[in-house]
PDB file of N, CA and C in Angstrom:
ATOM      1  N   MET A   1      -4.120 -30.668 -29.391  1.00  0.00           N
ATOM      2  CA  MET A   1      -3.339 -29.835 -28.513  1.00  0.00           C
ATOM      3  C   MET A   1      -4.272 -29.281 -27.421  1.00  0.00           C
ATOM      4  N   THR A   2      -3.783 -29.318 -26.200  1.00  0.00           N
ATOM      5  CA  THR A   2      -4.542 -28.792 -25.069  1.00  0.00           C
ATOM      6  C   THR A   2      -3.832 -27.563 -24.530  1.00  0.00           C
ATOM      7  N   LEU A   3      -4.586 -26.519 -24.328  1.00  0.00           N
ATOM      8  CA  LEU A   3      -4.028 -25.300 -23.755  1.00  0.00           C
ATOM      9  C   LEU A   3      -4.230 -25.325 -22.250  1.00  0.00           C
ATOM     10  N   LYS A   4      -3.198 -24.932 -21.538  1.00  0.00           N
ATOM     11  CA  LYS A   4      -3.283 -24.904 -20.084  1.00  0.00           C
ATOM     12  C   LYS A   4      -2.945 -23.489 -19.605  1.00  0.00           C
ATOM     13  N   SER A   5      -3.799 -22.945 -18.756  1.00  0.00           N
ATOM     14  CA  SER A   5      -3.619 -21.587 -18.259  1.00  0.00           C
ATOM     15  C   SER A   5      -2.528 -21.534 -17.196  1.00  0.00           C
ATOM     16  N   ARG A   6      -1.702 -20.520 -17.293  1.00  0.00           N
ATOM     17  CA  ARG A   6      -0.683 -20.281 -16.266  1.00  0.00           C
ATOM     18  C   ARG A   6      -1.170 -19.323 -15.185  1.00  0.00           C
ATOM     19  N   ILE A   7      -2.388 -18.820 -15.331  1.00  0.00           N
ATOM     20  CA  ILE A   7      -2.908 -17.823 -14.387  1.00  0.00           C
ATOM     21  C   ILE A   7      -2.875 -18.324 -12.939  1.00  0.00           C
ATOM     22  N   PRO A   8      -3.311 -19.544 -12.629  1.00  0.00           N
ATOM     23  CA  PRO A   8      -3.229 -19.995 -11.233  1.00  0.00           C
ATOM     24  C   PRO A   8      -1.791 -20.020 -10.693  1.00  0.00           C
ATOM     25  N   ALA A   9      -0.844 -20.413 -11.518  1.00  0.00           N
ATOM     26  CA  ALA A   9       0.553 -20.445 -11.075  1.00  0.00           C
ATOM     27  C   ALA A   9       1.086 -19.034 -10.869  1.00  0.00           C
ATOM     28  N   ILE A  10       0.728 -18.126 -11.745  1.00  0.00           N
ATOM     29  CA  ILE A  10       1.170 -16.732 -11.615  1.00  0.00           C
ATOM     30  C   ILE A  10       0.583 -16.119 -10.341  1.00  0.00           C
ATOM     31  N   ALA A  11      -0.703 -16.367 -10.100  1.00  0.00           N
ATOM     32  CA  ALA A  11      -1.349 -15.842  -8.893  1.00  0.00           C
ATOM     33  C   ALA A  11      -0.676 -16.395  -7.640  1.00  0.00           C
ATOM     34  N   ALA A  12      -0.319 -17.662  -7.660  1.00  0.00           N
ATOM     35  CA  ALA A  12       0.349 -18.276  -6.496  1.00  0.00           C
ATOM     36  C   ALA A  12       1.728 -17.666  -6.264  1.00  0.00           C
ATOM     37  N   GLU A  13       2.429 -17.321  -7.344  1.00  0.00           N
ATOM     38  CA  GLU A  13       3.738 -16.692  -7.215  1.00  0.00           C
ATOM     39  C   GLU A  13       3.630 -15.268  -6.669  1.00  0.00           C
ATOM     40  N   LEU A  14       2.577 -14.571  -7.031  1.00  0.00           N
ATOM     41  CA  LEU A  14       2.407 -13.183  -6.607  1.00  0.00           C
ATOM     42  C   LEU A  14       1.887 -13.063  -5.173  1.00  0.00           C
ATOM     43  N   GLU A  15       1.146 -14.040  -4.710  1.00  0.00           N
ATOM     44  CA  GLU A  15       0.464 -13.960  -3.416  1.00  0.00           C
ATOM     45  C   GLU A  15       1.386 -13.603  -2.250  1.00  0.00           C
ATOM     46  N   PRO A  16       2.564 -14.231  -2.099  1.00  0.00           N
ATOM     47  CA  PRO A  16       3.414 -13.857  -0.956  1.00  0.00           C
ATOM     48  C   PRO A  16       3.887 -12.398  -1.012  1.00  0.00           C
ATOM     49  N   HIS A  17       4.113 -11.885  -2.209  1.00  0.00           N
ATOM     50  CA  HIS A  17       4.551 -10.495  -2.354  1.00  0.00           C
ATOM     51  C   HIS A  17       3.431  -9.528  -1.962  1.00  0.00           C
ATOM     52  N   VAL A  18       2.228  -9.831  -2.421  1.00  0.00           N
ATOM     53  CA  VAL A  18       1.075  -8.995  -2.078  1.00  0.00           C
ATOM     54  C   VAL A  18       0.801  -9.088  -0.584  1.00  0.00           C
ATOM     55  N   ARG A  19       0.906 -10.286  -0.039  1.00  0.00           N
ATOM     56  CA  ARG A  19       0.663 -10.491   1.396  1.00  0.00           C
ATOM     57  C   ARG A  19       1.621  -9.642   2.239  1.00  0.00           C
ATOM     58  N   THR A  20       2.888  -9.645   1.884  1.00  0.00           N
ATOM     59  CA  THR A  20       3.882  -8.844   2.608  1.00  0.00           C
ATOM     60  C   THR A  20       3.544  -7.360   2.508  1.00  0.00           C
ATOM     61  N   ALA A  21       3.160  -6.911   1.321  1.00  0.00           N
ATOM     62  CA  ALA A  21       2.798  -5.503   1.145  1.00  0.00           C
ATOM     63  C   ALA A  21       1.571  -5.153   1.990  1.00  0.00           C
ATOM     64  N   LEU A  22       0.600  -6.056   2.065  1.00  0.00           N
ATOM     65  CA  LEU A  22      -0.586  -5.802   2.884  1.00  0.00           C
ATOM     66  C   LEU A  22      -0.239  -5.767   4.370  1.00  0.00           C
ATOM     67  N   GLU A  23       0.690  -6.601   4.796  1.00  0.00           N
ATOM     68  CA  GLU A  23       1.111  -6.572   6.200  1.00  0.00           C
ATOM     69  C   GLU A  23       1.794  -5.243   6.537  1.00  0.00           C
ATOM     70  N   VAL A  24       2.649  -4.786   5.639  1.00  0.00           N
ATOM     71  CA  VAL A  24       3.294  -3.478   5.832  1.00  0.00           C
ATOM     72  C   VAL A  24       2.229  -2.381   5.803  1.00  0.00           C
ATOM     73  N   GLY A  25       1.281  -2.495   4.890  1.00  0.00           N
ATOM     74  CA  GLY A  25       0.186  -1.538   4.817  1.00  0.00           C
ATOM     75  C   GLY A  25      -0.652  -1.536   6.079  1.00  0.00           C
ATOM     76  N   GLY A  26      -0.883  -2.707   6.646  1.00  0.00           N
ATOM     77  CA  GLY A  26      -1.629  -2.797   7.908  1.00  0.00           C
ATOM     78  C   GLY A  26      -0.907  -2.083   9.036  1.00  0.00           C
ATOM     79  N   GLU A  27       0.396  -2.228   9.073  1.00  0.00           N
ATOM     80  CA  GLU A  27       1.181  -1.520  10.098  1.00  0.00           C
ATOM     81  C   GLU A  27       1.117  -0.005   9.867  1.00  0.00           C
ATOM     82  N   TYR A  28       1.074   0.394   8.604  1.00  0.00           N
ATOM     83  CA  TYR A  28       0.971   1.812   8.261  1.00  0.00           C
ATOM     84  C   TYR A  28      -0.359   2.379   8.769  1.00  0.00           C
ATOM     85  N   VAL A  29      -1.453   1.660   8.507  1.00  0.00           N
ATOM     86  CA  VAL A  29      -2.771   2.092   8.972  1.00  0.00           C
ATOM     87  C   VAL A  29      -2.813   2.098  10.509  1.00  0.00           C
ATOM     88  N   THR A  30      -2.210   1.095  11.125  1.00  0.00           N
ATOM     89  CA  THR A  30      -2.152   1.028  12.590  1.00  0.00           C
ATOM     90  C   THR A  30      -1.478   2.273  13.158  1.00  0.00           C
ATOM     91  N   ALA A  31      -0.366   2.663  12.568  1.00  0.00           N
ATOM     92  CA  ALA A  31       0.350   3.856  13.042  1.00  0.00           C
ATOM     93  C   ALA A  31      -0.515   5.102  12.893  1.00  0.00           C
ATOM     94  N   ARG A  32      -1.231   5.228  11.751  1.00  0.00           N
ATOM     95  CA  ARG A  32      -2.109   6.386  11.552  1.00  0.00           C
ATOM     96  C   ARG A  32      -3.250   6.389  12.575  1.00  0.00           C
ATOM     97  N   ALA A  33      -3.808   5.216  12.865  1.00  0.00           N
ATOM     98  CA  ALA A  33      -4.900   5.132  13.843  1.00  0.00           C
ATOM     99  C   ALA A  33      -4.405   5.525  15.237  1.00  0.00           C
ATOM    100  N   LYS A  34      -3.202   5.090  15.587  1.00  0.00           N
ATOM    101  CA  LYS A  34      -2.636   5.453  16.895  1.00  0.00           C
ATOM    102  C   LYS A  34      -2.427   6.963  17.008  1.00  0.00           C
ATOM    103  N   GLU A  35      -2.070   7.599  15.899  1.00  0.00           N
ATOM    104  CA  GLU A  35      -1.899   9.054  15.892  1.00  0.00           C
ATOM    105  C   GLU A  35      -3.233   9.773  16.080  1.00  0.00           C
ATOM    106  N   ARG A  36      -4.308   9.186  15.579  1.00  0.00           N
ATOM    107  CA  ARG A  36      -5.611   9.846  15.575  1.00  0.00           C
ATOM    108  C   ARG A  36      -6.432   9.617  16.842  1.00  0.00           C
ATOM    109  N   VAL A  37      -6.224   8.504  17.528  1.00  0.00           N
ATOM    110  CA  VAL A  37      -7.088   8.191  18.674  1.00  0.00           C
ATOM    111  C   VAL A  37      -6.817   9.169  19.821  1.00  0.00           C
ATOM    112  N   ALA A  38      -7.885   9.614  20.446  1.00  0.00           N
ATOM    113  CA  ALA A  38      -7.749  10.528  21.583  1.00  0.00           C
ATOM    114  C   ALA A  38      -7.054   9.806  22.735  1.00  0.00           C
ATOM    115  N   TYR A  39      -6.183  10.514  23.405  1.00  0.00           N
ATOM    116  CA  TYR A  39      -5.450   9.909  24.521  1.00  0.00           C
ATOM    117  C   TYR A  39      -6.038  10.420  25.822  1.00  0.00           C
ATOM    118  N   GLY A  40      -6.714   9.532  26.521  1.00  0.00           N
ATOM    119  CA  GLY A  40      -7.357   9.891  27.791  1.00  0.00           C
ATOM    120  C   GLY A  40      -6.555   9.409  28.978  1.00  0.00           C
ATOM    121  N   ASN A  41      -7.216   9.301  30.104  1.00  0.00           N
ATOM    122  CA  ASN A  41      -6.519   8.912  31.330  1.00  0.00           C
ATOM    123  C   ASN A  41      -6.773   7.461  31.723  1.00  0.00           C
ATOM    124  N   ARG A  42      -7.364   6.670  30.828  1.00  0.00           N
ATOM    125  CA  ARG A  42      -7.584   5.253  31.128  1.00  0.00           C
ATOM    126  C   ARG A  42      -6.258   4.493  31.032  1.00  0.00           C
ATOM    127  N   ASP A  43      -6.137   3.469  31.852  1.00  0.00           N
ATOM    128  CA  ASP A  43      -4.954   2.611  31.791  1.00  0.00           C
ATOM    129  C   ASP A  43      -5.416   1.170  31.895  1.00  0.00           C
ATOM    130  N   PRO A  44      -5.198   0.284  30.958  1.00  0.00           N
ATOM    131  CA  PRO A  44      -4.413   0.491  29.741  1.00  0.00           C
ATOM    132  C   PRO A  44      -5.165   1.373  28.743  1.00  0.00           C
ATOM    133  N   HIS A  45      -4.408   2.009  27.899  1.00  0.00           N
ATOM    134  CA  HIS A  45      -4.996   2.948  26.955  1.00  0.00           C
ATOM    135  C   HIS A  45      -5.265   2.283  25.610  1.00  0.00           C
ATOM    136  N   LEU A  46      -6.318   2.739  24.962  1.00  0.00           N
ATOM    137  CA  LEU A  46      -6.702   2.211  23.651  1.00  0.00           C
ATOM    138  C   LEU A  46      -5.567   2.323  22.646  1.00  0.00           C
ATOM    139  N   ARG A  47      -4.831   3.406  22.669  1.00  0.00           N
ATOM    140  CA  ARG A  47      -3.730   3.594  21.723  1.00  0.00           C
ATOM    141  C   ARG A  47      -2.752   2.407  21.778  1.00  0.00           C
ATOM    142  N   ASP A  48      -2.508   1.908  22.965  1.00  0.00           N
ATOM    143  CA  ASP A  48      -1.566   0.792  23.122  1.00  0.00           C
ATOM    144  C   ASP A  48      -2.141  -0.536  22.644  1.00  0.00           C
ATOM    145  N   ALA A  49      -3.464  -0.593  22.483  1.00  0.00           N
ATOM    146  CA  ALA A  49      -4.109  -1.846  22.082  1.00  0.00           C
ATOM    147  C   ALA A  49      -4.416  -1.913  20.583  1.00  0.00           C
ATOM    148  N   ILE A  50      -4.142  -0.870  19.853  1.00  0.00           N
ATOM    149  CA  ILE A  50      -4.355  -0.904  18.399  1.00  0.00           C
ATOM    150  C   ILE A  50      -3.201  -1.684  17.790  1.00  0.00           C
ATOM    151  N   HIS A  51      -3.532  -2.722  17.031  1.00  0.00           N
ATOM    152  CA  HIS A  51      -2.488  -3.582  16.476  1.00  0.00           C
ATOM    153  C   HIS A  51      -2.937  -4.207  15.154  1.00  0.00           C
ATOM    154  N   THR A  52      -1.976  -4.769  14.455  1.00  0.00           N
ATOM    155  CA  THR A  52      -2.226  -5.449  13.191  1.00  0.00           C
ATOM    156  C   THR A  52      -2.180  -6.943  13.437  1.00  0.00           C
ATOM    157  N   SER A  53      -3.103  -7.651  12.836  1.00  0.00           N
ATOM    158  CA  SER A  53      -3.144  -9.107  12.948  1.00  0.00           C
ATOM    159  C   SER A  53      -3.147  -9.701  11.546  1.00  0.00           C
ATOM    160  N   SER A  54      -2.217 -10.589  11.295  1.00  0.00           N
ATOM    161  CA  SER A  54      -2.123 -11.252  10.001  1.00  0.00           C
ATOM    162  C   SER A  54      -2.668 -12.670  10.152  1.00  0.00           C
ATOM    163  N   GLU A  55      -3.779 -12.917   9.510  1.00  0.00           N
ATOM    164  CA  GLU A  55      -4.457 -14.214   9.572  1.00  0.00           C
ATOM    165  C   GLU A  55      -4.458 -14.834   8.180  1.00  0.00           C
ATOM    166  N   PRO A  56      -4.731 -16.133   8.075  1.00  0.00           N
ATOM    167  CA  PRO A  56      -4.781 -16.750   6.741  1.00  0.00           C
ATOM    168  C   PRO A  56      -5.795 -16.082   5.802  1.00  0.00           C
ATOM    169  N   GLU A  57      -6.903 -15.564   6.373  1.00  0.00           N
ATOM    170  CA  GLU A  57      -7.929 -14.935   5.537  1.00  0.00           C
ATOM    171  C   GLU A  57      -7.603 -13.515   5.149  1.00  0.00           C
ATOM    172  N   GLY A  58      -6.678 -12.855   5.856  1.00  0.00           N
ATOM    173  CA  GLY A  58      -6.361 -11.478   5.533  1.00  0.00           C
ATOM    174  C   GLY A  58      -5.579 -10.784   6.626  1.00  0.00           C
ATOM    175  N   VAL A  59      -5.335  -9.509   6.411  1.00  0.00           N
ATOM    176  CA  VAL A  59      -4.601  -8.669   7.360  1.00  0.00           C
ATOM    177  C   VAL A  59      -5.619  -7.706   7.961  1.00  0.00           C
ATOM    178  N   TYR A  60      -5.626  -7.612   9.283  1.00  0.00           N
ATOM    179  CA  TYR A  60      -6.612  -6.807   9.991  1.00  0.00           C
ATOM    180  C   TYR A  60      -5.935  -5.793  10.890  1.00  0.00           C
ATOM    181  N   VAL A  61      -6.538  -4.613  11.004  1.00  0.00           N
ATOM    182  CA  VAL A  61      -6.135  -3.625  12.002  1.00  0.00           C
ATOM    183  C   VAL A  61      -7.209  -3.697  13.079  1.00  0.00           C
ATOM    184  N   ILE A  62      -6.794  -3.998  14.298  1.00  0.00           N
ATOM    185  CA  ILE A  62      -7.724  -4.228  15.400  1.00  0.00           C
ATOM    186  C   ILE A  62      -7.530  -3.146  16.454  1.00  0.00           C
ATOM    187  N   ALA A  63      -8.641  -2.552  16.868  1.00  0.00           N
ATOM    188  CA  ALA A  63      -8.607  -1.489  17.878  1.00  0.00           C
ATOM    189  C   ALA A  63      -9.122  -2.043  19.194  1.00  0.00           C
ATOM    190  N   GLY A  64      -8.233  -2.695  19.924  1.00  0.00           N
ATOM    191  CA  GLY A  64      -8.610  -3.222  21.220  1.00  0.00           C
ATOM    192  C   GLY A  64      -8.039  -4.604  21.460  1.00  0.00           C
ATOM    193  N   ASP A  65      -8.244  -5.064  22.692  1.00  0.00           N
ATOM    194  CA  ASP A  65      -7.861  -6.412  23.089  1.00  0.00           C
ATOM    195  C   ASP A  65      -8.782  -6.819  24.229  1.00  0.00           C
ATOM    196  N   SER A  66      -8.441  -7.874  24.949  1.00  0.00           N
ATOM    197  CA  SER A  66      -9.337  -8.353  26.008  1.00  0.00           C
ATOM    198  C   SER A  66      -9.507  -7.350  27.144  1.00  0.00           C
ATOM    199  N   GLU A  67      -8.502  -6.543  27.417  1.00  0.00           N
ATOM    200  CA  GLU A  67      -8.600  -5.533  28.480  1.00  0.00           C
ATOM    201  C   GLU A  67      -9.140  -4.209  27.959  1.00  0.00           C
ATOM    202  N   THR A  68      -8.781  -3.868  26.746  1.00  0.00           N
ATOM    203  CA  THR A  68      -9.158  -2.590  26.149  1.00  0.00           C
ATOM    204  C   THR A  68     -10.145  -2.890  25.026  1.00  0.00           C
ATOM    205  N   PHE A  69     -11.373  -3.135  25.404  1.00  0.00           N
ATOM    206  CA  PHE A  69     -12.395  -3.643  24.497  1.00  0.00           C
ATOM    207  C   PHE A  69     -13.279  -2.561  23.893  1.00  0.00           C
ATOM    208  N   TYR A  70     -13.040  -1.320  24.184  1.00  0.00           N
ATOM    209  CA  TYR A  70     -13.991  -0.258  23.879  1.00  0.00           C
ATOM    210  C   TYR A  70     -13.672   0.535  22.610  1.00  0.00           C
ATOM    211  N   GLY A  71     -12.805   0.034  21.759  1.00  0.00           N
ATOM    212  CA  GLY A  71     -12.439   0.749  20.537  1.00  0.00           C
ATOM    213  C   GLY A  71     -13.638   1.067  19.658  1.00  0.00           C
ATOM    214  N   HIS A  72     -14.546   0.103  19.503  1.00  0.00           N
ATOM    215  CA  HIS A  72     -15.729   0.342  18.667  1.00  0.00           C
ATOM    216  C   HIS A  72     -16.631   1.413  19.272  1.00  0.00           C
ATOM    217  N   MET A  73     -16.625   1.531  20.599  1.00  0.00           N
ATOM    218  CA  MET A  73     -17.446   2.547  21.255  1.00  0.00           C
ATOM    219  C   MET A  73     -16.874   3.947  21.015  1.00  0.00           C
ATOM    220  N   VAL A  74     -15.552   4.038  21.012  1.00  0.00           N
ATOM    221  CA  VAL A  74     -14.912   5.328  20.719  1.00  0.00           C
ATOM    222  C   VAL A  74     -15.147   5.685  19.252  1.00  0.00           C
ATOM    223  N   GLU A  75     -14.942   4.728  18.365  1.00  0.00           N
ATOM    224  CA  GLU A  75     -15.092   4.960  16.920  1.00  0.00           C
ATOM    225  C   GLU A  75     -16.514   5.380  16.547  1.00  0.00           C
ATOM    226  N   HIS A  76     -17.502   4.672  17.060  1.00  0.00           N
ATOM    227  CA  HIS A  76     -18.891   4.874  16.636  1.00  0.00           C
ATOM    228  C   HIS A  76     -19.751   5.645  17.628  1.00  0.00           C
ATOM    229  N   GLY A  77     -19.255   5.843  18.842  1.00  0.00           N
ATOM    230  CA  GLY A  77     -20.026   6.538  19.864  1.00  0.00           C
ATOM    231  C   GLY A  77     -20.985   5.600  20.579  1.00  0.00           C
ATOM    232  N   THR A  78     -21.578   6.109  21.627  1.00  0.00           N
ATOM    233  CA  THR A  78     -22.573   5.361  22.398  1.00  0.00           C
ATOM    234  C   THR A  78     -23.735   6.300  22.688  1.00  0.00           C
ATOM    235  N   SER A  79     -24.692   5.823  23.449  1.00  0.00           N
ATOM    236  CA  SER A  79     -25.800   6.700  23.834  1.00  0.00           C
ATOM    237  C   SER A  79     -25.332   7.777  24.800  1.00  0.00           C
ATOM    238  N   HIS A  80     -24.128   7.604  25.356  1.00  0.00           N
ATOM    239  CA  HIS A  80     -23.591   8.562  26.329  1.00  0.00           C
ATOM    240  C   HIS A  80     -22.431   9.409  25.790  1.00  0.00           C
ATOM    241  N   SER A  81     -21.885   9.029  24.650  1.00  0.00           N
ATOM    242  CA  SER A  81     -20.739   9.789  24.125  1.00  0.00           C
ATOM    243  C   SER A  81     -20.790   9.852  22.598  1.00  0.00           C
ATOM    244  N   ALA A  82     -20.326  10.962  22.079  1.00  0.00           N
ATOM    245  CA  ALA A  82     -20.301  11.176  20.627  1.00  0.00           C
ATOM    246  C   ALA A  82     -19.186  10.334  20.001  1.00  0.00           C
ATOM    247  N   PRO A  83     -19.351   9.981  18.733  1.00  0.00           N
ATOM    248  CA  PRO A  83     -18.280   9.238  18.056  1.00  0.00           C
ATOM    249  C   PRO A  83     -17.007  10.077  17.944  1.00  0.00           C
ATOM    250  N   GLN A  84     -15.882   9.386  18.060  1.00  0.00           N
ATOM    251  CA  GLN A  84     -14.575  10.002  17.851  1.00  0.00           C
ATOM    252  C   GLN A  84     -13.806   9.111  16.882  1.00  0.00           C
ATOM    253  N   PRO A  85     -14.190   9.146  15.607  1.00  0.00           N
ATOM    254  CA  PRO A  85     -13.588   8.227  14.633  1.00  0.00           C
ATOM    255  C   PRO A  85     -12.076   8.385  14.536  1.00  0.00           C
ATOM    256  N   PHE A  86     -11.394   7.274  14.540  1.00  0.00           N
ATOM    257  CA  PHE A  86      -9.943   7.257  14.381  1.00  0.00           C
ATOM    258  C   PHE A  86      -9.516   6.152  13.428  1.00  0.00           C
ATOM    259  N   LEU A  87     -10.232   5.046  13.393  1.00  0.00           N
ATOM    260  CA  LEU A  87      -9.832   3.900  12.588  1.00  0.00           C
ATOM    261  C   LEU A  87     -10.221   4.085  11.111  1.00  0.00           C
ATOM    262  N   VAL A  88     -11.461   4.414  10.846  1.00  0.00           N
ATOM    263  CA  VAL A  88     -11.896   4.618   9.458  1.00  0.00           C
ATOM    264  C   VAL A  88     -11.145   5.784   8.818  1.00  0.00           C
ATOM    265  N   PRO A  89     -11.002   6.932   9.508  1.00  0.00           N
ATOM    266  CA  PRO A  89     -10.203   8.003   8.895  1.00  0.00           C
ATOM    267  C   PRO A  89      -8.750   7.591   8.622  1.00  0.00           C
ATOM    268  N   ALA A  90      -8.177   6.786   9.503  1.00  0.00           N
ATOM    269  CA  ALA A  90      -6.804   6.306   9.289  1.00  0.00           C
ATOM    270  C   ALA A  90      -6.732   5.450   8.028  1.00  0.00           C
ATOM    271  N   LEU A  91      -7.730   4.609   7.832  1.00  0.00           N
ATOM    272  CA  LEU A  91      -7.779   3.779   6.629  1.00  0.00           C
ATOM    273  C   LEU A  91      -7.979   4.643   5.385  1.00  0.00           C
ATOM    274  N   GLU A  92      -8.896   5.577   5.460  1.00  0.00           N
ATOM    275  CA  GLU A  92      -9.167   6.446   4.313  1.00  0.00           C
ATOM    276  C   GLU A  92      -7.922   7.236   3.897  1.00  0.00           C
ATOM    277  N   GLU A  93      -7.200   7.784   4.877  1.00  0.00           N
ATOM    278  CA  GLU A  93      -6.020   8.582   4.525  1.00  0.00           C
ATOM    279  C   GLU A  93      -4.850   7.711   4.078  1.00  0.00           C
ATOM    280  N   SER A  94      -4.909   6.416   4.328  1.00  0.00           N
ATOM    281  CA  SER A  94      -3.816   5.499   3.987  1.00  0.00           C
ATOM    282  C   SER A  94      -4.036   4.741   2.692  1.00  0.00           C
ATOM    283  N   LYS A  95      -5.217   4.844   2.102  1.00  0.00           N
ATOM    284  CA  LYS A  95      -5.554   4.039   0.916  1.00  0.00           C
ATOM    285  C   LYS A  95      -4.511   4.144  -0.193  1.00  0.00           C
ATOM    286  N   LYS A  96      -4.166   5.358  -0.568  1.00  0.00           N
ATOM    287  CA  LYS A  96      -3.225   5.546  -1.681  1.00  0.00           C
ATOM    288  C   LYS A  96      -1.855   4.967  -1.351  1.00  0.00           C
ATOM    289  N   ALA A  97      -1.398   5.160  -0.125  1.00  0.00           N
ATOM    290  CA  ALA A  97      -0.086   4.648   0.270  1.00  0.00           C
ATOM    291  C   ALA A  97      -0.070   3.118   0.254  1.00  0.00           C
ATOM    292  N   VAL A  98      -1.124   2.501   0.776  1.00  0.00           N
ATOM    293  CA  VAL A  98      -1.180   1.027   0.809  1.00  0.00           C
ATOM    294  C   VAL A  98      -1.296   0.479  -0.609  1.00  0.00           C
ATOM    295  N   LEU A  99      -2.105   1.106  -1.432  1.00  0.00           N
ATOM    296  CA  LEU A  99      -2.217   0.678  -2.831  1.00  0.00           C
ATOM    297  C   LEU A  99      -0.860   0.785  -3.525  1.00  0.00           C
ATOM    298  N   GLY A 100      -0.129   1.847  -3.254  1.00  0.00           N
ATOM    299  CA  GLY A 100       1.212   1.999  -3.808  1.00  0.00           C
ATOM    300  C   GLY A 100       2.150   0.892  -3.354  1.00  0.00           C
ATOM    301  N   MET A 101       2.024   0.475  -2.094  1.00  0.00           N
ATOM    302  CA  MET A 101       2.852  -0.621  -1.577  1.00  0.00           C
ATOM    303  C   MET A 101       2.554  -1.915  -2.324  1.00  0.00           C
ATOM    304  N   VAL A 102       1.276  -2.183  -2.567  1.00  0.00           N
ATOM    305  CA  VAL A 102       0.887  -3.402  -3.297  1.00  0.00           C
ATOM    306  C   VAL A 102       1.373  -3.321  -4.743  1.00  0.00           C
ATOM    307  N   GLN A 103       1.220  -2.175  -5.376  1.00  0.00           N
ATOM    308  CA  GLN A 103       1.683  -2.024  -6.768  1.00  0.00           C
ATOM    309  C   GLN A 103       3.195  -2.218  -6.862  1.00  0.00           C
ATOM    310  N   THR A 104       3.922  -1.663  -5.911  1.00  0.00           N
ATOM    311  CA  THR A 104       5.379  -1.832  -5.892  1.00  0.00           C
ATOM    312  C   THR A 104       5.749  -3.305  -5.721  1.00  0.00           C
ATOM    313  N   ALA A 105       5.032  -4.001  -4.839  1.00  0.00           N
ATOM    314  CA  ALA A 105       5.305  -5.422  -4.616  1.00  0.00           C
ATOM    315  C   ALA A 105       5.022  -6.238  -5.885  1.00  0.00           C
ATOM    316  N   LEU A 106       3.953  -5.911  -6.578  1.00  0.00           N
ATOM    317  CA  LEU A 106       3.623  -6.629  -7.810  1.00  0.00           C
ATOM    318  C   LEU A 106       4.664  -6.361  -8.898  1.00  0.00           C
ATOM    319  N   LYS A 107       5.093  -5.119  -9.023  1.00  0.00           N
ATOM    320  CA  LYS A 107       6.115  -4.796 -10.024  1.00  0.00           C
ATOM    321  C   LYS A 107       7.428  -5.511  -9.721  1.00  0.00           C
ATOM    322  N   ALA A 108       7.795  -5.560  -8.443  1.00  0.00           N
ATOM    323  CA  ALA A 108       9.036  -6.237  -8.061  1.00  0.00           C
ATOM    324  C   ALA A 108       8.944  -7.741  -8.309  1.00  0.00           C
ATOM    325  N   ALA A 109       7.756  -8.308  -8.138  1.00  0.00           N
ATOM    326  CA  ALA A 109       7.576  -9.747  -8.313  1.00  0.00           C
ATOM    327  C   ALA A 109       7.669 -10.163  -9.768  1.00  0.00           C
ATOM    328  N   VAL A 110       7.301  -9.299 -10.676  1.00  0.00           N
ATOM    329  CA  VAL A 110       7.299  -9.693 -12.096  1.00  0.00           C
ATOM    330  C   VAL A 110       8.626  -9.391 -12.779  1.00  0.00           C
ATOM    331  N   ARG A 111       9.529  -8.758 -12.101  1.00  0.00           N
ATOM    332  CA  ARG A 111      10.830  -8.462 -12.697  1.00  0.00           C
ATOM    333  C   ARG A 111      11.732  -9.654 -12.681  1.00  0.00           C
TER     334      ARG A 111
END
């Protein structure tokens, strides 16, 4: 008799549910980051460029785009300006909520 593990099949069944929860979680973190970022007089504004990107490797919250490239400078500061963190604090304050979203998705998938 040969035993065959169902773990790979179970993981494959759960993956789309977890992925959806992470995408919703990414949007949640994006909203928190937009609330936290300082709103200055630049146009286009960094707040408008904060977005979620869902890629095959994972879900990302991105602060910037080709026109608004300075998100990392605001977050970490420069030699001319102090840091004004908005992205890391948004992630930190969202951890429990995003984890709850993933747990809910996993519970719904196994029912």
